[in-house]
Amino acid sequence: SPPSTGEPRAQLCRWPCQCPRSAPRCAPGVSLVTDGCGCCRSCARQRGQSCTEADTCDPHRGLYCDYSGDTPRYEIGVCAQIVGVGCVLNGVRYKNGETFQPNCKYNCTCINGAVGCVPMCTHSRPPLVWCPNPKLIKMAGKCCEQWICDDSRKIRKTSPRHISSAAYEGEEEAWQKNCIVHTSAWSPCSKSCGLGISTRISNDNQQCRLLKESRLCNMRPCEVDIAQHIKPGKKCLAVYRANEPMNYTISGCVSTIPYRPKYCGVCTDNRCCTPYKSKTIEVMFQCPDGTEFSWKIMWINACFCNLNCRNPNDIFAD
């Protein structure tokens, strides 16, 4: 029987907080939020589900806990929709809080004038690493595209031609090795003259982890007046190259062999010269104490003089 009016509400929060070691995994489209006690991460309650001061309704779906049906305790409520603005998508009007599928690939919800969608086609996995030519194709009678291995090209005789979905269970290591390589462009050199640093992000490694890579760069020597090498009648010198080879030096350590690098030139008008063709070379250095180390260095092949001048490492330049 329900408690009498004078009975106190159950205390659902406990302090100090006692939370599980790892946060729960929520269903697609369900928010992971801090519980009402301000303690632990939990999966938010959805529309029509019961809620308490500890079990929070999903704020990203415009829900609140309606306790009106639990008088006089006001202890257990039901997640209900906050009255808000509806949505229009592809000419169709939806109510605030309404969940719908505009097509078979997405499940969407209208939240106060905005539409948020969760993809339904998430179960298909690309073929494993033995597949030389994976393809995503439309299957007859199925909404979601399916990955297949196009073995029309010659593949290893030991490779399995067909594999059931159950066979994926023991292939976690192979699945991780099936890495989609991403490497960003090198950042501009940190110095406009003299030895500087250029960086990029890449996961082209055995662990498929995004790591920061660095290389040395030297756009132009600081001690040389390149402007005096501009030909008469011209306003720019795109590329400058010294007559004699030189050795790179870092903190008293000298490159084991000399180099004759190209540098970007200068202009007498408002243009600036920047590299547009370059590569990375490995240079070995020897220190006075006999130790050796190698460093990646930017090797300029060609430069271009243009009006797109910017400060080195200006993160808003692009």
Protein backbone atom coordinates (compact mmCIF):
# COMPACT_ATOMS: atom_id res chain seq x y z
CA SER A 1 0.00 0.00 0.00
CA PRO A 2 1.29 3.53 -0.68
CA PRO A 3 2.83 5.32 2.29
CA SER A 4 0.81 7.88 4.21
CA THR A 5 1.19 11.62 3.72
CA GLY A 6 3.54 11.96 6.65
CA GLU A 7 6.01 9.29 5.51
CA PRO A 8 9.34 10.78 4.34
CA ARG A 9 10.66 10.23 0.82
CA ALA A 10 13.23 7.49 0.32
CA GLN A 11 16.79 8.80 0.20
CA LEU A 12 18.14 7.69 -3.18
CA CYS A 13 21.46 9.55 -3.13
CA ARG A 14 24.38 8.44 -0.99
CA TRP A 15 27.48 10.44 -0.16
CA PRO A 16 30.36 10.05 -0.60
CA CYS A 17 29.70 8.89 -4.15
CA GLN A 18 30.24 5.23 -4.99
CA CYS A 19 30.40 4.79 -8.77
CA PRO A 20 31.32 1.79 -10.95
CA ARG A 21 34.84 1.88 -12.42
CA SER A 22 33.61 2.35 -15.98
CA ALA A 23 30.67 4.35 -17.32
CA PRO A 24 27.72 2.32 -18.73
CA ARG A 25 27.26 1.89 -22.48
CA CYS A 26 24.03 3.54 -23.57
CA ALA A 27 21.84 2.56 -26.52
CA PRO A 28 22.25 4.68 -29.69
CA GLY A 29 20.58 8.06 -29.21
CA VAL A 30 20.45 7.78 -25.39
CA SER A 31 22.50 10.43 -23.57
CA LEU A 32 25.19 9.55 -21.03
CA VAL A 33 24.63 12.09 -18.25
CA THR A 34 25.60 12.76 -14.63
CA ASP A 35 22.90 11.36 -12.35
CA GLY A 36 20.64 13.61 -10.27
CA CYS A 37 22.88 13.07 -7.23
CA GLY A 38 25.74 14.79 -9.06
CA CYS A 39 27.79 11.62 -8.61
CA CYS A 40 27.97 9.01 -11.36
CA ARG A 41 27.57 8.80 -15.12
CA SER A 42 24.34 7.03 -16.09
CA CYS A 43 22.14 6.44 -19.14
CA ALA A 44 19.37 9.06 -19.17
CA ARG A 45 15.79 7.86 -18.79
CA GLN A 46 13.61 8.15 -21.89
CA ARG A 47 10.05 9.31 -22.54
CA GLY A 48 7.49 7.24 -20.60
CA GLN A 49 10.10 5.66 -18.31
CA SER A 50 10.07 6.15 -14.55
CA CYS A 51 12.42 8.73 -13.06
CA THR A 52 13.56 9.80 -9.60
CA GLU A 53 15.82 12.44 -8.13
CA ALA A 54 18.71 10.05 -8.96
CA ASP A 55 17.52 8.73 -12.38
CA THR A 56 17.56 11.76 -14.68
CA CYS A 57 15.38 12.24 -17.75
CA ASP A 58 17.24 12.84 -21.02
CA PRO A 59 17.79 16.63 -21.27
CA HIS A 60 18.97 16.36 -24.88
CA ARG A 61 15.56 14.99 -25.85
CA GLY A 62 13.73 17.82 -24.07
CA LEU A 63 12.42 15.60 -21.24
CA TYR A 64 11.64 16.39 -17.60
CA CYS A 65 10.49 14.27 -14.64
CA ASP A 66 6.73 14.70 -14.09
CA TYR A 67 5.92 13.81 -10.45
CA SER A 68 2.24 14.86 -10.64
CA GLY A 69 1.00 11.25 -10.68
CA ASP A 70 2.80 10.36 -7.43
CA THR A 71 1.04 12.49 -4.84
CA PRO A 72 1.67 13.05 -2.01
CA ARG A 73 5.20 11.59 -2.04
CA TYR A 74 6.44 13.08 -5.37
CA GLU A 75 9.15 10.42 -5.31
CA ILE A 76 8.74 8.47 -8.56
CA GLY A 77 7.79 10.34 -11.72
CA VAL A 78 7.47 9.71 -15.44
CA CYS A 79 9.70 11.28 -18.10
CA ALA A 80 7.54 13.66 -20.12
CA GLN A 81 8.10 16.09 -22.94
CA ILE A 82 8.64 19.78 -22.30
CA VAL A 83 6.25 21.77 -24.48
CA GLY A 84 8.33 23.29 -27.26
CA VAL A 85 8.54 24.15 -30.95
CA GLY A 86 7.91 21.45 -33.56
CA CYS A 87 10.10 20.67 -36.56
CA VAL A 88 9.74 20.60 -40.33
CA LEU A 89 11.86 18.16 -42.35
CA ASN A 90 11.45 17.65 -46.10
CA GLY A 91 8.05 19.35 -45.98
CA VAL A 92 6.73 17.13 -43.15
CA ARG A 93 5.87 18.68 -39.75
CA TYR A 94 6.71 16.78 -36.54
CA LYS A 95 5.70 17.53 -32.95
CA ASN A 96 8.25 18.42 -30.29
CA GLY A 97 9.61 15.16 -28.85
CA GLU A 98 8.26 13.03 -31.72
CA THR A 99 10.52 10.20 -32.91
CA PHE A 100 10.31 9.28 -36.61
CA GLN A 101 12.19 7.63 -39.47
CA PRO A 102 12.50 9.87 -42.57
CA ASN A 103 13.93 6.78 -44.33
CA CYS A 104 15.12 3.32 -43.34
CA LYS A 105 18.69 4.49 -42.62
CA TYR A 106 17.98 7.01 -39.82
CA ASN A 107 15.91 7.24 -36.64
CA CYS A 108 15.27 10.92 -35.80
CA THR A 109 13.79 12.96 -32.96
CA CYS A 110 12.39 16.50 -33.01
CA ILE A 111 13.76 18.54 -30.10
CA ASN A 112 12.42 22.08 -29.80
CA GLY A 113 12.77 22.94 -33.50
CA ALA A 114 15.94 20.92 -34.16
CA VAL A 115 16.15 17.43 -35.66
CA GLY A 116 18.72 14.95 -34.30
CA CYS A 117 19.24 11.61 -36.05
CA VAL A 118 20.91 8.30 -35.17
CA PRO A 119 22.14 6.09 -38.06
CA MET A 120 20.49 2.65 -38.21
CA CYS A 121 23.10 1.12 -40.54
CA THR A 122 25.86 0.45 -38.04
CA HIS A 123 26.22 -3.34 -37.98
CA SER A 124 28.06 -3.98 -41.23
CA ARG A 125 31.83 -4.39 -40.85
CA PRO A 126 34.39 -4.10 -43.65
CA PRO A 127 36.02 -7.41 -44.68
CA LEU A 128 39.15 -8.37 -42.79
CA VAL A 129 42.69 -7.56 -43.83
CA TRP A 130 42.99 -10.51 -46.22
CA CYS A 131 40.45 -8.91 -48.54
CA PRO A 132 42.31 -7.00 -51.29
CA ASN A 133 39.31 -5.13 -52.69
CA PRO A 134 36.47 -4.42 -50.22
CA LYS A 135 33.30 -2.83 -51.61
CA LEU A 136 30.16 -1.37 -50.03
CA ILE A 137 27.19 -2.43 -52.19
CA LYS A 138 23.36 -2.17 -52.19
CA MET A 139 21.77 -5.57 -51.58
CA ALA A 140 18.34 -6.39 -53.05
CA GLY A 141 15.62 -6.18 -50.42
CA LYS A 142 17.90 -4.64 -47.79
CA CYS A 143 18.01 -1.01 -46.72
CA CYS A 144 21.62 -0.81 -45.54
CA GLU A 145 24.57 -1.29 -47.85
CA GLN A 146 26.68 -4.38 -47.11
CA TRP A 147 30.45 -4.84 -47.25
CA ILE A 148 31.60 -7.61 -49.59
CA CYS A 149 35.01 -8.79 -50.72
CA ASP A 150 35.32 -8.40 -54.47
CA ASP A 151 37.62 -11.35 -55.17
CA SER A 152 37.50 -10.93 -58.95
CA ARG A 153 41.15 -9.86 -58.65
CA LYS A 154 43.75 -12.46 -57.76
CA ILE A 155 44.10 -13.03 -54.01
CA ARG A 156 46.18 -15.40 -51.89
CA LYS A 157 45.14 -19.05 -52.23
CA THR A 158 45.11 -19.40 -48.43
CA SER A 159 42.59 -16.59 -48.02
CA PRO A 160 39.05 -17.72 -47.17
CA ARG A 161 36.59 -16.87 -49.94
CA HIS A 162 33.56 -16.64 -47.67
CA ILE A 163 33.28 -15.99 -43.96
CA SER A 164 30.22 -16.01 -41.70
CA SER A 165 29.48 -13.20 -39.25
CA ALA A 166 30.12 -15.61 -36.35
CA ALA A 167 33.69 -16.01 -37.52
CA TYR A 168 34.37 -12.36 -36.69
CA GLU A 169 34.26 -13.16 -32.97
CA GLY A 170 37.88 -14.27 -32.68
CA GLU A 171 39.27 -11.70 -35.10
CA GLU A 172 39.59 -8.68 -32.82
CA GLU A 173 43.32 -8.28 -33.53
CA ALA A 174 42.83 -8.51 -37.29
CA TRP A 175 39.98 -6.00 -37.13
CA GLN A 176 42.18 -3.50 -35.28
CA LYS A 177 44.91 -3.92 -37.90
CA ASN A 178 42.41 -2.93 -40.59
CA CYS A 179 43.42 0.70 -39.99
CA ILE A 180 42.18 3.63 -42.06
CA VAL A 181 45.34 5.74 -42.34
CA HIS A 182 44.94 9.47 -41.77
CA THR A 183 47.84 11.90 -42.04
CA SER A 184 47.37 15.67 -41.86
CA ALA A 185 49.37 18.21 -43.85
CA TRP A 186 52.54 19.61 -42.26
CA SER A 187 51.95 22.86 -40.40
CA PRO A 188 53.74 26.03 -41.62
CA CYS A 189 57.32 26.41 -40.35
CA SER A 190 57.42 28.04 -36.91
CA LYS A 191 60.04 30.55 -38.13
CA SER A 192 60.17 32.66 -41.31
CA CYS A 193 63.97 32.37 -41.35
CA GLY A 194 66.45 30.07 -39.63
CA LEU A 195 65.77 26.65 -38.12
CA GLY A 196 62.18 26.08 -36.99
CA ILE A 197 59.74 23.24 -36.32
CA SER A 198 56.85 21.91 -38.42
CA THR A 199 54.33 19.36 -37.08
CA ARG A 200 51.58 17.05 -38.30
CA ILE A 201 49.22 14.36 -36.92
CA SER A 202 49.34 10.80 -38.29
CA ASN A 203 48.14 7.30 -37.33
CA ASP A 204 50.43 5.61 -39.87
CA ASN A 205 51.99 3.36 -37.23
CA GLN A 206 51.61 -0.20 -35.94
CA GLN A 207 49.20 0.82 -33.18
CA CYS A 208 47.03 2.93 -35.55
CA ARG A 209 47.22 5.70 -32.91
CA LEU A 210 47.05 9.39 -33.80
CA LEU A 211 50.48 10.75 -32.87
CA LYS A 212 52.17 14.12 -33.31
CA GLU A 213 55.19 14.07 -35.64
CA SER A 214 57.82 16.83 -35.92
CA ARG A 215 60.38 17.84 -38.51
CA LEU A 216 62.92 20.65 -38.69
CA CYS A 217 62.43 23.30 -41.35
CA ASN A 218 64.43 26.25 -42.67
CA MET A 219 62.48 28.53 -45.00
CA ARG A 220 65.45 30.83 -45.69
CA PRO A 221 68.72 31.78 -43.98
CA CYS A 222 68.47 34.78 -41.66
CA GLU A 223 72.02 35.99 -42.34
CA VAL A 224 71.74 36.23 -46.16
CA ASP A 225 70.21 39.23 -47.95
CA ILE A 226 68.32 37.32 -50.64
CA ALA A 227 66.86 40.53 -52.12
CA GLN A 228 70.23 41.39 -53.68
CA HIS A 229 69.98 38.22 -55.82
CA ILE A 230 66.74 39.36 -57.51
CA LYS A 231 67.36 39.87 -61.22
CA PRO A 232 67.06 43.42 -62.66
CA GLY A 233 63.48 44.25 -63.68
CA LYS A 234 62.03 41.51 -61.44
CA LYS A 235 60.29 41.95 -58.10
CA CYS A 236 60.60 38.39 -56.75
CA LEU A 237 63.06 35.54 -56.42
CA ALA A 238 61.00 32.36 -55.85
CA VAL A 239 63.87 30.01 -54.94
CA TYR A 240 67.31 30.76 -53.51
CA ARG A 241 70.16 28.26 -53.35
CA ALA A 242 73.64 28.91 -51.97
CA ASN A 243 76.65 28.19 -54.19
CA GLU A 244 78.46 26.08 -51.59
CA PRO A 245 77.12 23.08 -49.62
CA MET A 246 76.64 23.46 -45.85
CA ASN A 247 76.17 21.31 -42.77
CA TYR A 248 73.05 21.44 -40.60
CA THR A 249 73.80 22.16 -36.94
CA ILE A 250 71.64 21.57 -33.84
CA SER A 251 72.95 22.47 -30.37
CA GLY A 252 76.57 22.00 -31.41
CA CYS A 253 75.88 18.71 -33.24
CA VAL A 254 76.71 18.73 -36.96
CA SER A 255 75.22 16.72 -39.85
CA THR A 256 77.54 13.89 -40.89
CA ILE A 257 77.37 14.96 -44.57
CA PRO A 258 77.02 18.43 -46.18
CA TYR A 259 73.87 19.52 -48.04
CA ARG A 260 72.98 22.19 -50.58
CA PRO A 261 69.30 22.88 -49.83
CA LYS A 262 66.89 25.12 -51.68
CA TYR A 263 65.25 27.99 -49.78
CA CYS A 264 62.18 30.10 -50.52
CA GLY A 265 63.09 33.56 -51.79
CA VAL A 266 61.72 37.04 -51.16
CA CYS A 267 59.77 39.76 -52.99
CA THR A 268 60.15 43.55 -53.02
CA ASP A 269 56.36 44.02 -53.37
CA ASN A 270 53.66 42.74 -50.97
CA ARG A 271 53.95 39.12 -52.05
CA CYS A 272 55.54 36.35 -49.97
CA CYS A 273 57.22 33.13 -51.07
CA THR A 274 56.09 29.84 -49.54
CA PRO A 275 56.93 26.20 -50.38
CA TYR A 276 54.41 24.27 -52.47
CA LYS A 277 56.56 21.20 -53.19
CA SER A 278 58.59 19.58 -50.44
CA LYS A 279 59.54 16.22 -48.96
CA THR A 280 60.97 14.94 -45.68
CA ILE A 281 64.54 13.65 -45.45
CA GLU A 282 66.34 11.91 -42.57
CA VAL A 283 69.58 13.66 -41.55
CA MET A 284 72.17 12.05 -39.25
CA PHE A 285 73.95 14.31 -36.73
CA GLN A 286 77.18 13.75 -34.81
CA CYS A 287 77.87 15.51 -31.49
CA PRO A 288 81.23 16.55 -29.98
CA ASP A 289 80.99 13.73 -27.41
CA GLY A 290 80.78 11.15 -30.22
CA THR A 291 77.05 10.37 -29.92
CA GLU A 292 74.83 10.30 -33.03
CA PHE A 293 71.13 10.90 -33.65
CA SER A 294 68.87 11.49 -36.65
CA TRP A 295 66.24 14.16 -37.30
CA LYS A 296 63.57 14.55 -40.00
CA ILE A 297 64.11 17.74 -42.00
CA MET A 298 61.90 19.46 -44.57
CA TRP A 299 63.56 19.49 -48.01
CA ILE A 300 62.15 22.25 -50.24
CA ASN A 301 61.79 21.39 -53.94
CA ALA A 302 59.89 24.46 -55.20
CA CYS A 303 58.35 27.69 -53.85
CA PHE A 304 55.56 29.95 -55.04
CA CYS A 305 55.29 33.73 -54.59
CA ASN A 306 51.73 34.89 -53.90
CA LEU A 307 49.59 37.40 -52.00
CA ASN A 308 48.35 34.85 -49.45
CA CYS A 309 50.78 36.00 -46.76
CA ARG A 310 50.18 35.01 -43.16
CA ASN A 311 51.94 34.72 -39.88
CA PRO A 312 53.71 31.40 -39.23
CA ASN A 313 51.51 28.88 -37.39
CA ASP A 314 48.41 31.12 -37.59
CA ILE A 315 45.76 28.54 -36.60
CA PHE A 316 42.98 30.71 -38.10
CA ALA A 317 44.71 31.09 -41.48
CA ASP A 318 42.65 28.37 -43.20
